[in-house]
Amino acid sequence: MEVWTMAKAVVTSRYYLIRERMKTDDRGITTTEVALITGALLAAAGLLVVAIKAKLAEKIGIINSG
């Protein structure tokens, strides 16, 4: 879960940075920032899916073998 914590920290810090900048600058968010945030969210979602699949496979294995 260390990767999840790091990804969450990156997304959170970028969100707060963008929010603070929006208060003083009306340019909005750049496409690079959108791409970075989207990539981090997709990576986190992928890791979550892998973790859930592993946990389910473990549970099914325990049920089938015992």
Protein backbone atom coordinates (compact mmCIF):
# COMPACT_ATOMS: atom_id res chain seq x y z
CA MET A 1 0.00 0.00 0.00
CA GLU A 2 3.02 2.27 0.00
CA VAL A 3 2.47 3.03 -3.71
CA TRP A 4 -1.16 3.90 -3.02
CA THR A 5 -0.10 6.33 -0.28
CA MET A 6 2.42 7.98 -2.59
CA ALA A 7 -0.08 8.27 -5.45
CA LYS A 8 -2.68 9.74 -3.11
CA ALA A 9 -0.15 12.29 -1.82
CA VAL A 10 0.76 13.35 -5.35
CA VAL A 11 -2.85 13.80 -6.42
CA THR A 12 -3.76 15.60 -3.21
CA SER A 13 -0.80 17.96 -3.38
CA ARG A 14 -1.50 18.77 -7.06
CA TYR A 15 -5.16 19.40 -6.25
CA TYR A 16 -4.34 21.86 -3.48
CA LEU A 17 -1.72 23.57 -5.64
CA ILE A 18 -4.21 23.97 -8.48
CA ARG A 19 -6.91 25.18 -6.09
CA GLU A 20 -4.61 27.82 -4.61
CA ARG A 21 -3.48 28.95 -8.03
CA MET A 22 -7.10 29.25 -9.19
CA LYS A 23 -7.71 31.77 -6.40
CA THR A 24 -5.10 34.14 -7.80
CA ASP A 25 -4.91 33.17 -11.47
CA ASP A 26 -7.85 32.60 -13.77
CA ARG A 27 -5.99 30.59 -16.42
CA GLY A 28 -7.32 27.28 -15.17
CA ILE A 29 -5.65 23.90 -15.31
CA THR A 30 -3.20 22.93 -18.06
CA THR A 31 -3.54 19.81 -20.15
CA THR A 32 -0.32 18.47 -18.64
CA GLU A 33 -1.78 18.75 -15.15
CA VAL A 34 -4.96 17.02 -16.28
CA ALA A 35 -2.88 14.22 -17.81
CA LEU A 36 -0.79 13.80 -14.65
CA ILE A 37 -3.79 13.69 -12.35
CA THR A 38 -5.63 11.30 -14.68
CA GLY A 39 -2.58 9.04 -14.87
CA ALA A 40 -2.20 8.96 -11.11
CA LEU A 41 -5.89 8.14 -10.65
CA LEU A 42 -5.73 5.37 -13.26
CA ALA A 43 -2.63 3.89 -11.65
CA ALA A 44 -4.29 3.96 -8.22
CA ALA A 45 -7.44 2.36 -9.62
CA GLY A 46 -5.36 -0.35 -11.30
CA LEU A 47 -3.54 -1.11 -8.07
CA LEU A 48 -6.85 -1.30 -6.23
CA VAL A 49 -8.23 -3.76 -8.79
CA VAL A 50 -5.12 -5.93 -8.51
CA ALA A 51 -5.36 -5.91 -4.71
CA ILE A 52 -9.04 -6.87 -4.77
CA LYS A 53 -8.44 -9.66 -7.30
CA ALA A 54 -5.58 -11.03 -5.22
CA LYS A 55 -7.68 -10.99 -2.08
CA LEU A 56 -10.59 -12.70 -3.82
CA ALA A 57 -8.30 -15.33 -5.33
CA GLU A 58 -6.87 -15.97 -1.87
CA LYS A 59 -10.34 -16.37 -0.38
CA ILE A 60 -11.50 -18.65 -3.19
CA GLY A 61 -8.34 -20.73 -2.86
CA ILE A 62 -8.92 -21.18 0.85
CA ILE A 63 -12.55 -22.16 0.29
CA ASN A 64 -11.76 -24.60 -2.56
CA SER A 65 -8.83 -26.28 -0.82
CA GLY A 66 -10.39 -26.68 2.57
